[in-house]
Each structure stands twice: as C-alpha cells, then as structure tokens.
Amino acid sequence: MLTHDTHIRVCYGDTDKMGVVYYGTYPRYYEIARTEMLRSFGISYREMEENGLVLPVRNLHITYLKPAFYDDLLTVRTILEELPTVRFRLKTEIYNPAMELINQGEVTLIFTNPETGKAMKPPQWVLEKFRKLME
C-alpha cells in the first residue's frame, strides 16, 4: 500500500457565501492530490500523455462527513492499495487542521489509448515504478 499527503489551503473561490467548501470542489482536491502523488513517484500526466496514455475517470464516490472552511489547511491523503491493472483505483481521505476526517472517497480511472478510446493495460514502465514503490 502506498500513501501520499498533499496540503491544500482552501481559497475563497472554493467556498460558498457561508465560507463552507462547495461540495463540487472536492473532486478537484482529489485530482490535485492524485497528480502530486504521481509526480512524487516519478510519474507525470504529461509523460503519460506523451507516451500515448490518458486516464479518464470511470467512477467517483464521495462521502461528506464534516465541512471544510475558508482558509483551512487541509491534508489530502491519497491511498493506492493495489497495483493498477486496466483500472486504477485510488482512495482519498481529507483531514481538517485538527486532523479530523472530514471527507473520503474513491476514484477509479481507466488507462486508455487516446487515439482509439479503448481501455488498455498500463505500460510496463508505469507498472515498474509502482512495483518498486510497493515493495
């Protein structure tokens, strides 16, 4: 299992009139944290795209437990429990400044050939990076 923490400060534009993070903002937080996790492991979306690979979202599940507020420094934890296959499942947990779990979710992405739109297995170079990290 791999975990990676990303810190995101809630900006004013992420909130409603009451200073509460708008519910539709959370998937963007998931994406920011996922991108930073991959980058920290030596994998970038740019590199994957340049090598003929894209990762569209197939499923997204979110559970809202408590609100986040303007100017909170959130800890967004991304969790990879298993090596990706065609499907790439990531769990996400978001903690407020008191380290209380306020949001959790799961995103399933699909490794896809951008020219054909068909699902595919991840290339060996991607799998090797994950294997090394998970050992």
Protein backbone atom coordinates (compact mmCIF):
# COMPACT_ATOMS: atom_id res chain seq x y z
CA MET A 1 0.00 0.00 0.00
CA LEU A 2 1.20 3.50 -0.86
CA THR A 3 0.03 6.73 0.72
CA HIS A 4 0.85 10.31 -0.08
CA ASP A 5 -0.24 13.50 1.68
CA THR A 6 -0.81 16.78 -0.13
CA HIS A 7 -1.64 20.01 1.69
CA ILE A 8 -4.22 22.32 0.14
CA ARG A 9 -5.23 25.69 1.54
CA VAL A 10 -8.93 26.43 0.95
CA CYS A 11 -9.18 29.59 -1.13
CA TYR A 12 -12.13 31.96 -1.11
CA GLY A 13 -13.27 30.80 -4.57
CA ASP A 14 -13.71 27.23 -3.26
CA THR A 15 -16.38 28.31 -0.78
CA ASP A 16 -20.00 29.38 -0.73
CA LYS A 17 -21.36 32.55 0.88
CA MET A 18 -21.08 30.95 4.34
CA GLY A 19 -17.35 30.19 3.92
CA VAL A 20 -18.00 26.43 3.58
CA VAL A 21 -16.22 24.50 0.83
CA TYR A 22 -18.68 23.89 -2.01
CA TYR A 23 -19.41 20.16 -2.40
CA GLY A 24 -18.34 20.14 -6.06
CA THR A 25 -14.83 21.31 -5.14
CA TYR A 26 -13.79 18.01 -3.54
CA PRO A 27 -13.18 16.12 -6.82
CA ARG A 28 -10.71 18.87 -7.79
CA TYR A 29 -8.92 18.37 -4.46
CA TYR A 30 -8.77 14.64 -5.22
CA GLU A 31 -7.26 15.38 -8.62
CA ILE A 32 -4.66 17.81 -7.27
CA ALA A 33 -3.58 15.25 -4.66
CA ARG A 34 -3.55 12.38 -7.20
CA THR A 35 -1.38 14.41 -9.58
CA GLU A 36 1.03 15.32 -6.77
CA MET A 37 1.21 11.69 -5.63
CA LEU A 38 2.09 10.51 -9.13
CA ARG A 39 4.65 13.31 -9.51
CA SER A 40 6.28 12.36 -6.20
CA PHE A 41 6.59 8.78 -7.52
CA GLY A 42 8.28 9.95 -10.72
CA ILE A 43 5.22 9.75 -12.98
CA SER A 44 3.64 12.79 -14.61
CA TYR A 45 0.43 13.11 -16.57
CA ARG A 46 2.41 14.94 -19.25
CA GLU A 47 4.80 12.00 -19.60
CA MET A 48 1.91 9.53 -19.82
CA GLU A 49 0.13 11.63 -22.45
CA GLU A 50 3.34 11.99 -24.47
CA ASN A 51 3.58 8.18 -24.41
CA GLY A 52 0.03 7.67 -25.71
CA LEU A 53 -1.81 7.12 -22.47
CA VAL A 54 -4.67 9.00 -20.79
CA LEU A 55 -6.55 8.32 -17.55
CA PRO A 56 -10.20 9.35 -17.69
CA VAL A 57 -12.30 8.94 -14.56
CA ARG A 58 -14.67 5.96 -14.71
CA ASN A 59 -16.25 6.20 -11.24
CA LEU A 60 -16.23 8.67 -8.40
CA HIS A 61 -17.69 8.06 -4.96
CA ILE A 62 -17.65 10.72 -2.24
CA THR A 63 -18.77 10.69 1.39
CA TYR A 64 -19.07 14.09 3.09
CA LEU A 65 -18.56 13.80 6.85
CA LYS A 66 -17.87 17.36 8.06
CA PRO A 67 -17.43 20.70 6.29
CA ALA A 68 -14.16 22.40 5.44
CA PHE A 69 -13.95 26.19 5.67
CA TYR A 70 -12.24 29.11 4.02
CA ASP A 71 -8.51 29.27 4.82
CA ASP A 72 -8.35 25.74 6.30
CA LEU A 73 -5.11 23.93 5.52
CA LEU A 74 -6.38 20.52 4.50
CA THR A 75 -4.40 17.30 4.38
CA VAL A 76 -5.49 15.28 1.37
CA ARG A 77 -4.27 11.69 1.67
CA THR A 78 -4.20 9.58 -1.49
CA ILE A 79 -4.05 5.82 -0.99
CA LEU A 80 -3.10 3.18 -3.54
CA GLU A 81 -3.88 -0.28 -2.15
CA GLU A 82 -3.03 -2.42 -5.20
CA LEU A 83 -1.06 -2.25 -8.40
CA PRO A 84 -3.13 -0.80 -11.22
CA THR A 85 -4.44 -3.02 -13.99
CA VAL A 86 -6.66 -1.52 -16.65
CA ARG A 87 -8.43 0.10 -13.70
CA PHE A 88 -6.54 2.43 -11.42
CA ARG A 89 -8.33 2.73 -8.05
CA LEU A 90 -7.35 5.37 -5.53
CA LYS A 91 -8.88 6.16 -2.18
CA THR A 92 -8.79 9.69 -0.83
CA GLU A 93 -9.17 10.97 2.73
CA ILE A 94 -9.35 14.65 3.59
CA TYR A 95 -8.48 15.90 7.07
CA ASN A 96 -9.13 19.32 8.56
CA PRO A 97 -6.43 21.24 10.51
CA ALA A 98 -7.36 19.25 13.67
CA MET A 99 -6.68 16.04 11.65
CA GLU A 100 -10.35 15.02 11.81
CA LEU A 101 -11.50 13.00 8.81
CA ILE A 102 -13.99 15.25 7.01
CA ASN A 103 -14.31 13.65 3.58
CA GLN A 104 -13.49 10.33 1.95
CA GLY A 105 -13.85 8.95 -1.50
CA GLU A 106 -12.71 6.59 -4.17
CA VAL A 107 -11.84 7.35 -7.77
CA THR A 108 -11.47 4.72 -10.47
CA LEU A 109 -9.55 5.79 -13.56
CA ILE A 110 -9.10 3.70 -16.71
CA PHE A 111 -5.83 3.50 -18.64
CA THR A 112 -6.93 4.45 -22.15
CA ASN A 113 -5.41 4.79 -25.61
CA PRO A 114 -6.30 8.36 -26.65
CA GLU A 115 -6.40 7.50 -30.36
CA THR A 116 -8.83 4.59 -30.08
CA GLY A 117 -10.59 5.46 -26.83
CA LYS A 118 -10.18 1.83 -25.77
CA ALA A 119 -9.11 0.66 -22.34
CA MET A 120 -5.64 -0.83 -22.11
CA LYS A 121 -3.23 -2.27 -19.60
CA PRO A 122 -0.76 0.23 -18.18
CA PRO A 123 2.64 0.20 -19.87
CA GLN A 124 5.45 -1.71 -18.22
CA TRP A 125 7.36 1.45 -17.28
CA VAL A 126 4.39 2.65 -15.21
CA LEU A 127 3.94 -0.71 -13.51
CA GLU A 128 7.65 -0.96 -12.70
CA LYS A 129 7.59 2.38 -10.88
CA PHE A 130 4.62 1.27 -8.78
CA ARG A 131 6.11 -2.18 -8.10
CA LYS A 132 9.34 -0.68 -6.77
CA LEU A 133 7.44 1.68 -4.51
CA MET A 134 5.15 -1.04 -3.16
CA GLU A 135 7.97 -3.47 -2.27
